[in-house]
Amino acid sequence: MKTLGTQIPDLVLVNILLIGMDGIEVCKRIRGDLRLAHVPVIVLTARTDGQSRRLCLAAGGSDYIPKPWRGEDLISRIRGAIAASAGSRNTERS
């Protein structure tokens, strides 16, 4: 989260299981920061249960990808999330 205080990324990849602050809290903090609210957050996780998915998406996650994932699928979803974010920012400016 320190880096997000000084730089605005095109996208954030986060795991649910983190030491200190879990991925759900990261999503909430990003969505709560007006400078970062447009940044897509993709959650990568070993958790495949529906409740974890719902919690992440409710916290502001843009996508939820359980392990194992294929590299080309992950890249495709990253590209899609960045394009959608850029498109929505362009629409807001119009």
PDB file of N, CA and C in Angstrom:
ATOM      1  N   MET A   1       0.818  -1.190   0.000  1.00  0.00           N
ATOM      2  CA  MET A   1       0.000   0.000   0.000  1.00  0.00           C
ATOM      3  C   MET A   1       0.865   1.259   0.000  1.00  0.00           C
ATOM      4  N   LYS A   2       2.095   1.178   0.471  1.00  0.00           N
ATOM      5  CA  LYS A   2       2.960   2.363   0.473  1.00  0.00           C
ATOM      6  C   LYS A   2       3.181   2.895  -0.939  1.00  0.00           C
ATOM      7  N   THR A   3       3.464   1.986  -1.864  1.00  0.00           N
ATOM      8  CA  THR A   3       3.717   2.386  -3.246  1.00  0.00           C
ATOM      9  C   THR A   3       2.503   3.076  -3.836  1.00  0.00           C
ATOM     10  N   LEU A   4       1.300   2.627  -3.478  1.00  0.00           N
ATOM     11  CA  LEU A   4       0.082   3.235  -4.008  1.00  0.00           C
ATOM     12  C   LEU A   4      -0.102   4.659  -3.505  1.00  0.00           C
ATOM     13  N   GLY A   5       0.616   5.031  -2.467  1.00  0.00           N
ATOM     14  CA  GLY A   5       0.556   6.402  -1.982  1.00  0.00           C
ATOM     15  C   GLY A   5       1.327   7.365  -2.864  1.00  0.00           C
ATOM     16  N   THR A   6       2.264   6.846  -3.660  1.00  0.00           N
ATOM     17  CA  THR A   6       3.106   7.707  -4.489  1.00  0.00           C
ATOM     18  C   THR A   6       2.938   7.475  -5.988  1.00  0.00           C
ATOM     19  N   GLN A   7       2.398   6.305  -6.353  1.00  0.00           N
ATOM     20  CA  GLN A   7       2.230   5.976  -7.770  1.00  0.00           C
ATOM     21  C   GLN A   7       0.834   5.422  -8.001  1.00  0.00           C
ATOM     22  N   ILE A   8       0.282   5.689  -9.170  1.00  0.00           N
ATOM     23  CA  ILE A   8      -1.018   5.132  -9.523  1.00  0.00           C
ATOM     24  C   ILE A   8      -0.802   4.111 -10.633  1.00  0.00           C
ATOM     25  N   PRO A   9      -1.016   2.832 -10.321  1.00  0.00           N
ATOM     26  CA  PRO A   9      -0.775   1.777 -11.312  1.00  0.00           C
ATOM     27  C   PRO A   9      -1.933   1.646 -12.290  1.00  0.00           C
ATOM     28  N   ASP A  10      -1.693   0.936 -13.374  1.00  0.00           N
ATOM     29  CA  ASP A  10      -2.749   0.622 -14.333  1.00  0.00           C
ATOM     30  C   ASP A  10      -3.641  -0.499 -13.807  1.00  0.00           C
ATOM     31  N   LEU A  11      -3.083  -1.348 -12.929  1.00  0.00           N
ATOM     32  CA  LEU A  11      -3.799  -2.506 -12.421  1.00  0.00           C
ATOM     33  C   LEU A  11      -3.081  -3.012 -11.178  1.00  0.00           C
ATOM     34  N   VAL A  12      -3.830  -3.645 -10.277  1.00  0.00           N
ATOM     35  CA  VAL A  12      -3.242  -4.272  -9.092  1.00  0.00           C
ATOM     36  C   VAL A  12      -3.608  -5.750  -9.104  1.00  0.00           C
ATOM     37  N   LEU A  13      -2.602  -6.605  -8.946  1.00  0.00           N
ATOM     38  CA  LEU A  13      -2.800  -8.039  -8.739  1.00  0.00           C
ATOM     39  C   LEU A  13      -2.560  -8.297  -7.264  1.00  0.00           C
ATOM     40  N   VAL A  14      -3.488  -8.988  -6.612  1.00  0.00           N
ATOM     41  CA  VAL A  14      -3.340  -9.224  -5.180  1.00  0.00           C
ATOM     42  C   VAL A  14      -3.814 -10.627  -4.829  1.00  0.00           C
ATOM     43  N   ASN A  15      -3.166 -11.225  -3.855  1.00  0.00           N
ATOM     44  CA  ASN A  15      -3.573 -12.516  -3.329  1.00  0.00           C
ATOM     45  C   ASN A  15      -4.476 -12.257  -2.128  1.00  0.00           C
ATOM     46  N   ILE A  16      -5.415 -13.141  -1.852  1.00  0.00           N
ATOM     47  CA  ILE A  16      -6.246 -12.979  -0.657  1.00  0.00           C
ATOM     48  C   ILE A  16      -5.399 -13.149   0.588  1.00  0.00           C
ATOM     49  N   LEU A  17      -4.550 -14.162   0.589  1.00  0.00           N
ATOM     50  CA  LEU A  17      -3.784 -14.492   1.780  1.00  0.00           C
ATOM     51  C   LEU A  17      -2.466 -13.723   1.807  1.00  0.00           C
ATOM     52  N   LEU A  18      -2.471 -12.643   2.545  1.00  0.00           N
ATOM     53  CA  LEU A  18      -1.270 -11.826   2.720  1.00  0.00           C
ATOM     54  C   LEU A  18      -0.984 -11.697   4.209  1.00  0.00           C
ATOM     55  N   ILE A  19       0.242 -11.465   4.554  1.00  0.00           N
ATOM     56  CA  ILE A  19       0.608 -11.247   5.954  1.00  0.00           C
ATOM     57  C   ILE A  19       0.359  -9.783   6.289  1.00  0.00           C
ATOM     58  N   GLY A  20      -0.327  -9.553   7.375  1.00  0.00           N
ATOM     59  CA  GLY A  20      -0.571  -8.182   7.834  1.00  0.00           C
ATOM     60  C   GLY A  20      -1.908  -7.633   7.369  1.00  0.00           C
ATOM     61  N   MET A  21      -2.151  -7.646   6.078  1.00  0.00           N
ATOM     62  CA  MET A  21      -3.399  -7.126   5.521  1.00  0.00           C
ATOM     63  C   MET A  21      -3.819  -8.069   4.397  1.00  0.00           C
ATOM     64  N   ASP A  22      -5.030  -8.614   4.476  1.00  0.00           N
ATOM     65  CA  ASP A  22      -5.423  -9.556   3.435  1.00  0.00           C
ATOM     66  C   ASP A  22      -5.870  -8.830   2.167  1.00  0.00           C
ATOM     67  N   GLY A  23      -6.013  -9.582   1.098  1.00  0.00           N
ATOM     68  CA  GLY A  23      -6.359  -9.006  -0.193  1.00  0.00           C
ATOM     69  C   GLY A  23      -7.709  -8.310  -0.208  1.00  0.00           C
ATOM     70  N   ILE A  24      -8.625  -8.781   0.620  1.00  0.00           N
ATOM     71  CA  ILE A  24      -9.936  -8.140   0.698  1.00  0.00           C
ATOM     72  C   ILE A  24      -9.795  -6.730   1.266  1.00  0.00           C
ATOM     73  N   GLU A  25      -8.973  -6.574   2.279  1.00  0.00           N
ATOM     74  CA  GLU A  25      -8.739  -5.244   2.856  1.00  0.00           C
ATOM     75  C   GLU A  25      -8.013  -4.342   1.853  1.00  0.00           C
ATOM     76  N   VAL A  26      -7.093  -4.911   1.084  1.00  0.00           N
ATOM     77  CA  VAL A  26      -6.418  -4.134   0.043  1.00  0.00           C
ATOM     78  C   VAL A  26      -7.446  -3.590  -0.944  1.00  0.00           C
ATOM     79  N   CYS A  27      -8.380  -4.436  -1.382  1.00  0.00           N
ATOM     80  CA  CYS A  27      -9.442  -3.987  -2.303  1.00  0.00           C
ATOM     81  C   CYS A  27     -10.236  -2.840  -1.695  1.00  0.00           C
ATOM     82  N   LYS A  28     -10.639  -2.984  -0.445  1.00  0.00           N
ATOM     83  CA  LYS A  28     -11.432  -1.947   0.225  1.00  0.00           C
ATOM     84  C   LYS A  28     -10.672  -0.619   0.286  1.00  0.00           C
ATOM     85  N   ARG A  29      -9.400  -0.689   0.616  1.00  0.00           N
ATOM     86  CA  ARG A  29      -8.607   0.547   0.722  1.00  0.00           C
ATOM     87  C   ARG A  29      -8.415   1.215  -0.634  1.00  0.00           C
ATOM     88  N   ILE A  30      -8.200   0.418  -1.657  1.00  0.00           N
ATOM     89  CA  ILE A  30      -8.051   0.984  -3.004  1.00  0.00           C
ATOM     90  C   ILE A  30      -9.356   1.655  -3.421  1.00  0.00           C
ATOM     91  N   ARG A  31     -10.475   0.987  -3.215  1.00  0.00           N
ATOM     92  CA  ARG A  31     -11.772   1.566  -3.591  1.00  0.00           C
ATOM     93  C   ARG A  31     -12.117   2.788  -2.761  1.00  0.00           C
ATOM     94  N   GLY A  32     -11.593   2.870  -1.550  1.00  0.00           N
ATOM     95  CA  GLY A  32     -11.862   4.006  -0.679  1.00  0.00           C
ATOM     96  C   GLY A  32     -11.004   5.227  -0.966  1.00  0.00           C
ATOM     97  N   ASP A  33     -10.026   5.093  -1.836  1.00  0.00           N
ATOM     98  CA  ASP A  33      -9.120   6.196  -2.180  1.00  0.00           C
ATOM     99  C   ASP A  33      -9.543   6.755  -3.540  1.00  0.00           C
ATOM    100  N   LEU A  34     -10.014   7.965  -3.576  1.00  0.00           N
ATOM    101  CA  LEU A  34     -10.520   8.552  -4.825  1.00  0.00           C
ATOM    102  C   LEU A  34      -9.491   8.564  -5.947  1.00  0.00           C
ATOM    103  N   ARG A  35      -8.212   8.670  -5.615  1.00  0.00           N
ATOM    104  CA  ARG A  35      -7.178   8.659  -6.652  1.00  0.00           C
ATOM    105  C   ARG A  35      -7.031   7.288  -7.297  1.00  0.00           C
ATOM    106  N   LEU A  36      -7.409   6.235  -6.556  1.00  0.00           N
ATOM    107  CA  LEU A  36      -7.190   4.863  -7.019  1.00  0.00           C
ATOM    108  C   LEU A  36      -8.476   4.131  -7.380  1.00  0.00           C
ATOM    109  N   ALA A  37      -9.616   4.747  -7.146  1.00  0.00           N
ATOM    110  CA  ALA A  37     -10.900   4.062  -7.287  1.00  0.00           C
ATOM    111  C   ALA A  37     -11.112   3.463  -8.678  1.00  0.00           C
ATOM    112  N   HIS A  38     -10.477   4.022  -9.696  1.00  0.00           N
ATOM    113  CA  HIS A  38     -10.635   3.522 -11.070  1.00  0.00           C
ATOM    114  C   HIS A  38      -9.700   2.360 -11.405  1.00  0.00           C
ATOM    115  N   VAL A  39      -8.733   2.080 -10.544  1.00  0.00           N
ATOM    116  CA  VAL A  39      -7.718   1.058 -10.829  1.00  0.00           C
ATOM    117  C   VAL A  39      -8.330  -0.332 -10.673  1.00  0.00           C
ATOM    118  N   PRO A  40      -8.268  -1.168 -11.711  1.00  0.00           N
ATOM    119  CA  PRO A  40      -8.781  -2.527 -11.580  1.00  0.00           C
ATOM    120  C   PRO A  40      -7.935  -3.340 -10.596  1.00  0.00           C
ATOM    121  N   VAL A  41      -8.607  -4.176  -9.818  1.00  0.00           N
ATOM    122  CA  VAL A  41      -7.929  -5.052  -8.864  1.00  0.00           C
ATOM    123  C   VAL A  41      -8.319  -6.490  -9.191  1.00  0.00           C
ATOM    124  N   ILE A  42      -7.338  -7.282  -9.582  1.00  0.00           N
ATOM    125  CA  ILE A  42      -7.572  -8.696  -9.872  1.00  0.00           C
ATOM    126  C   ILE A  42      -7.036  -9.506  -8.702  1.00  0.00           C
ATOM    127  N   VAL A  43      -7.898 -10.340  -8.147  1.00  0.00           N
ATOM    128  CA  VAL A  43      -7.539 -11.174  -7.010  1.00  0.00           C
ATOM    129  C   VAL A  43      -7.140 -12.552  -7.521  1.00  0.00           C
ATOM    130  N   LEU A  44      -5.931 -12.965  -7.176  1.00  0.00           N
ATOM    131  CA  LEU A  44      -5.420 -14.296  -7.504  1.00  0.00           C
ATOM    132  C   LEU A  44      -5.396 -15.087  -6.210  1.00  0.00           C
ATOM    133  N   THR A  45      -5.923 -16.312  -6.216  1.00  0.00           N
ATOM    134  CA  THR A  45      -6.024 -17.024  -4.954  1.00  0.00           C
ATOM    135  C   THR A  45      -6.119 -18.532  -5.130  1.00  0.00           C
ATOM    136  N   ALA A  46      -5.783 -19.231  -4.075  1.00  0.00           N
ATOM    137  CA  ALA A  46      -5.977 -20.677  -4.033  1.00  0.00           C
ATOM    138  C   ALA A  46      -7.380 -21.010  -3.541  1.00  0.00           C
ATOM    139  N   ARG A  47      -8.087 -20.022  -3.033  1.00  0.00           N
ATOM    140  CA  ARG A  47      -9.443 -20.253  -2.518  1.00  0.00           C
ATOM    141  C   ARG A  47     -10.438 -20.347  -3.680  1.00  0.00           C
ATOM    142  N   THR A  48     -11.176 -21.436  -3.701  1.00  0.00           N
ATOM    143  CA  THR A  48     -12.125 -21.651  -4.794  1.00  0.00           C
ATOM    144  C   THR A  48     -13.576 -21.591  -4.323  1.00  0.00           C
ATOM    145  N   ASP A  49     -13.791 -21.278  -3.048  1.00  0.00           N
ATOM    146  CA  ASP A  49     -15.154 -21.266  -2.525  1.00  0.00           C
ATOM    147  C   ASP A  49     -15.901 -20.001  -2.943  1.00  0.00           C
ATOM    148  N   GLY A  50     -17.199 -20.129  -3.052  1.00  0.00           N
ATOM    149  CA  GLY A  50     -18.037 -19.009  -3.487  1.00  0.00           C
ATOM    150  C   GLY A  50     -18.029 -17.842  -2.528  1.00  0.00           C
ATOM    151  N   GLN A  51     -17.921 -18.107  -1.223  1.00  0.00           N
ATOM    152  CA  GLN A  51     -17.938 -17.017  -0.254  1.00  0.00           C
ATOM    153  C   GLN A  51     -16.726 -16.104  -0.418  1.00  0.00           C
ATOM    154  N   SER A  52     -15.546 -16.667  -0.623  1.00  0.00           N
ATOM    155  CA  SER A  52     -14.348 -15.852  -0.829  1.00  0.00           C
ATOM    156  C   SER A  52     -14.500 -14.990  -2.071  1.00  0.00           C
ATOM    157  N   ARG A  53     -15.042 -15.573  -3.123  1.00  0.00           N
ATOM    158  CA  ARG A  53     -15.275 -14.829  -4.370  1.00  0.00           C
ATOM    159  C   ARG A  53     -16.228 -13.667  -4.123  1.00  0.00           C
ATOM    160  N   ARG A  54     -17.343 -13.936  -3.454  1.00  0.00           N
ATOM    161  CA  ARG A  54     -18.318 -12.876  -3.168  1.00  0.00           C
ATOM    162  C   ARG A  54     -17.715 -11.766  -2.322  1.00  0.00           C
ATOM    163  N   LEU A  55     -16.940 -12.134  -1.299  1.00  0.00           N
ATOM    164  CA  LEU A  55     -16.319 -11.129  -0.431  1.00  0.00           C
ATOM    165  C   LEU A  55     -15.349 -10.240  -1.209  1.00  0.00           C
ATOM    166  N   CYS A  56     -14.553 -10.845  -2.084  1.00  0.00           N
ATOM    167  CA  CYS A  56     -13.588 -10.070  -2.877  1.00  0.00           C
ATOM    168  C   CYS A  56     -14.292  -9.126  -3.838  1.00  0.00           C
ATOM    169  N   LEU A  57     -15.298  -9.620  -4.519  1.00  0.00           N
ATOM    170  CA  LEU A  57     -16.008  -8.770  -5.476  1.00  0.00           C
ATOM    171  C   LEU A  57     -16.794  -7.676  -4.752  1.00  0.00           C
ATOM    172  N   ALA A  58     -17.362  -7.998  -3.594  1.00  0.00           N
ATOM    173  CA  ALA A  58     -18.085  -6.992  -2.808  1.00  0.00           C
ATOM    174  C   ALA A  58     -17.135  -5.919  -2.273  1.00  0.00           C
ATOM    175  N   ALA A  59     -15.887  -6.290  -2.028  1.00  0.00           N
ATOM    176  CA  ALA A  59     -14.886  -5.340  -1.534  1.00  0.00           C
ATOM    177  C   ALA A  59     -14.325  -4.458  -2.643  1.00  0.00           C
ATOM    178  N   GLY A  60     -14.709  -4.752  -3.895  1.00  0.00           N
ATOM    179  CA  GLY A  60     -14.250  -3.922  -5.001  1.00  0.00           C
ATOM    180  C   GLY A  60     -13.315  -4.598  -5.968  1.00  0.00           C
ATOM    181  N   GLY A  61     -13.095  -5.898  -5.796  1.00  0.00           N
ATOM    182  CA  GLY A  61     -12.268  -6.617  -6.756  1.00  0.00           C
ATOM    183  C   GLY A  61     -12.915  -6.592  -8.136  1.00  0.00           C
ATOM    184  N   SER A  62     -12.121  -6.395  -9.153  1.00  0.00           N
ATOM    185  CA  SER A  62     -12.623  -6.347 -10.525  1.00  0.00           C
ATOM    186  C   SER A  62     -12.779  -7.739 -11.121  1.00  0.00           C
ATOM    187  N   ASP A  63     -11.949  -8.666 -10.662  1.00  0.00           N
ATOM    188  CA  ASP A  63     -11.965 -10.029 -11.178  1.00  0.00           C
ATOM    189  C   ASP A  63     -11.412 -10.936 -10.088  1.00  0.00           C
ATOM    190  N   TYR A  64     -11.766 -12.189 -10.147  1.00  0.00           N
ATOM    191  CA  TYR A  64     -11.363 -13.184  -9.151  1.00  0.00           C
ATOM    192  C   TYR A  64     -10.896 -14.408  -9.917  1.00  0.00           C
ATOM    193  N   ILE A  65      -9.626 -14.761  -9.763  1.00  0.00           N
ATOM    194  CA  ILE A  65      -9.059 -15.862 -10.535  1.00  0.00           C
ATOM    195  C   ILE A  65      -8.469 -16.899  -9.578  1.00  0.00           C
ATOM    196  N   PRO A  66      -9.145 -18.047  -9.424  1.00  0.00           N
ATOM    197  CA  PRO A  66      -8.605 -19.094  -8.558  1.00  0.00           C
ATOM    198  C   PRO A  66      -7.476 -19.860  -9.251  1.00  0.00           C
ATOM    199  N   LYS A  67      -6.554 -20.376  -8.437  1.00  0.00           N
ATOM    200  CA  LYS A  67      -5.466 -21.209  -8.947  1.00  0.00           C
ATOM    201  C   LYS A  67      -6.013 -22.584  -9.267  1.00  0.00           C
ATOM    202  N   PRO A  68      -5.436 -23.298 -10.175  1.00  0.00           N
ATOM    203  CA  PRO A  68      -4.344 -22.851 -11.054  1.00  0.00           C
ATOM    204  C   PRO A  68      -4.912 -22.061 -12.226  1.00  0.00           C
ATOM    205  N   TRP A  69      -4.160 -21.124 -12.707  1.00  0.00           N
ATOM    206  CA  TRP A  69      -4.573 -20.371 -13.884  1.00  0.00           C
ATOM    207  C   TRP A  69      -3.528 -20.561 -14.967  1.00  0.00           C
ATOM    208  N   ARG A  70      -3.949 -20.346 -16.172  1.00  0.00           N
ATOM    209  CA  ARG A  70      -3.041 -20.446 -17.319  1.00  0.00           C
ATOM    210  C   ARG A  70      -2.520 -19.047 -17.625  1.00  0.00           C
ATOM    211  N   GLY A  71      -1.255 -18.949 -17.939  1.00  0.00           N
ATOM    212  CA  GLY A  71      -0.616 -17.666 -18.197  1.00  0.00           C
ATOM    213  C   GLY A  71      -1.321 -16.835 -19.243  1.00  0.00           C
ATOM    214  N   GLU A  72      -1.695 -17.470 -20.359  1.00  0.00           N
ATOM    215  CA  GLU A  72      -2.342 -16.707 -21.430  1.00  0.00           C
ATOM    216  C   GLU A  72      -3.730 -16.222 -21.011  1.00  0.00           C
ATOM    217  N   ASP A  73      -4.430 -16.996 -20.150  1.00  0.00           N
ATOM    218  CA  ASP A  73      -5.732 -16.541 -19.646  1.00  0.00           C
ATOM    219  C   ASP A  73      -5.562 -15.347 -18.716  1.00  0.00           C
ATOM    220  N   LEU A  74      -4.560 -15.425 -17.858  1.00  0.00           N
ATOM    221  CA  LEU A  74      -4.291 -14.318 -16.935  1.00  0.00           C
ATOM    222  C   LEU A  74      -3.948 -13.047 -17.709  1.00  0.00           C
ATOM    223  N   ILE A  75      -3.094 -13.161 -18.696  1.00  0.00           N
ATOM    224  CA  ILE A  75      -2.712 -11.995 -19.504  1.00  0.00           C
ATOM    225  C   ILE A  75      -3.932 -11.413 -20.212  1.00  0.00           C
ATOM    226  N   SER A  76      -4.780 -12.273 -20.739  1.00  0.00           N
ATOM    227  CA  SER A  76      -5.990 -11.811 -21.419  1.00  0.00           C
ATOM    228  C   SER A  76      -6.903 -11.044 -20.464  1.00  0.00           C
ATOM    229  N   ARG A  77      -7.062 -11.546 -19.256  1.00  0.00           N
ATOM    230  CA  ARG A  77      -7.926 -10.879 -18.291  1.00  0.00           C
ATOM    231  C   ARG A  77      -7.318  -9.568 -17.796  1.00  0.00           C
ATOM    232  N   ILE A  78      -6.006  -9.537 -17.669  1.00  0.00           N
ATOM    233  CA  ILE A  78      -5.323  -8.291 -17.298  1.00  0.00           C
ATOM    234  C   ILE A  78      -5.548  -7.243 -18.386  1.00  0.00           C
ATOM    235  N   ARG A  79      -5.321  -7.625 -19.630  1.00  0.00           N
ATOM    236  CA  ARG A  79      -5.528  -6.691 -20.747  1.00  0.00           C
ATOM    237  C   ARG A  79      -6.967  -6.189 -20.788  1.00  0.00           C
ATOM    238  N   GLY A  80      -7.920  -7.098 -20.585  1.00  0.00           N
ATOM    239  CA  GLY A  80      -9.328  -6.720 -20.590  1.00  0.00           C
ATOM    240  C   GLY A  80      -9.668  -5.744 -19.470  1.00  0.00           C
ATOM    241  N   ALA A  81      -9.133  -5.989 -18.284  1.00  0.00           N
ATOM    242  CA  ALA A  81      -9.402  -5.106 -17.145  1.00  0.00           C
ATOM    243  C   ALA A  81      -8.810  -3.717 -17.365  1.00  0.00           C
ATOM    244  N   ILE A  82      -7.604  -3.659 -17.916  1.00  0.00           N
ATOM    245  CA  ILE A  82      -6.974  -2.364 -18.180  1.00  0.00           C
ATOM    246  C   ILE A  82      -7.742  -1.620 -19.266  1.00  0.00           C
ATOM    247  N   ALA A  83      -8.151  -2.321 -20.316  1.00  0.00           N
ATOM    248  CA  ALA A  83      -8.912  -1.682 -21.393  1.00  0.00           C
ATOM    249  C   ALA A  83     -10.249  -1.161 -20.878  1.00  0.00           C
ATOM    250  N   ALA A  84     -10.934  -1.955 -20.054  1.00  0.00           N
ATOM    251  CA  ALA A  84     -12.229  -1.526 -19.510  1.00  0.00           C
ATOM    252  C   ALA A  84     -12.051  -0.304 -18.614  1.00  0.00           C
ATOM    253  N   SER A  85     -10.998  -0.293 -17.827  1.00  0.00           N
ATOM    254  CA  SER A  85     -10.729   0.847 -16.948  1.00  0.00           C
ATOM    255  C   SER A  85     -10.434   2.098 -17.757  1.00  0.00           C
ATOM    256  N   ALA A  86      -9.630   1.957 -18.793  1.00  0.00           N
ATOM    257  CA  ALA A  86      -9.299   3.092 -19.640  1.00  0.00           C
ATOM    258  C   ALA A  86     -10.553   3.604 -20.346  1.00  0.00           C
ATOM    259  N   GLY A  87     -11.396   2.694 -20.818  1.00  0.00           N
ATOM    260  CA  GLY A  87     -12.629   3.074 -21.485  1.00  0.00           C
ATOM    261  C   GLY A  87     -13.581   3.814 -20.566  1.00  0.00           C
ATOM    262  N   SER A  88     -13.695   3.352 -19.315  1.00  0.00           N
ATOM    263  CA  SER A  88     -14.596   4.035 -18.385  1.00  0.00           C
ATOM    264  C   SER A  88     -14.063   5.402 -17.988  1.00  0.00           C
ATOM    265  N   ARG A  89     -12.743   5.551 -17.885  1.00  0.00           N
ATOM    266  CA  ARG A  89     -12.165   6.873 -17.567  1.00  0.00           C
ATOM    267  C   ARG A  89     -12.390   7.827 -18.724  1.00  0.00           C
ATOM    268  N   ASN A  90     -12.282   7.350 -19.970  1.00  0.00           N
ATOM    269  CA  ASN A  90     -12.512   8.201 -21.126  1.00  0.00           C
ATOM    270  C   ASN A  90     -13.967   8.635 -21.200  1.00  0.00           C
ATOM    271  N   THR A  91     -14.893   7.751 -20.854  1.00  0.00           N
ATOM    272  CA  THR A  91     -16.317   8.071 -20.848  1.00  0.00           C
ATOM    273  C   THR A  91     -16.630   9.116 -19.774  1.00  0.00           C
ATOM    274  N   GLU A  92     -15.988   8.992 -18.609  1.00  0.00           N
ATOM    275  CA  GLU A  92     -16.210   9.954 -17.528  1.00  0.00           C
ATOM    276  C   GLU A  92     -15.731  11.352 -17.900  1.00  0.00           C
ATOM    277  N   ARG A  93     -14.693  11.429 -18.696  1.00  0.00           N
ATOM    278  CA  ARG A  93     -14.127  12.745 -19.088  1.00  0.00           C
ATOM    279  C   ARG A  93     -14.977  13.445 -20.126  1.00  0.00           C
ATOM    280  N   SER A  94     -15.766  12.669 -20.884  1.00  0.00           N
ATOM    281  CA  SER A  94     -16.576  13.249 -21.983  1.00  0.00           C
ATOM    282  C   SER A  94     -17.729  14.060 -21.459  1.00  0.00           C
TER     283      SER A  94
END
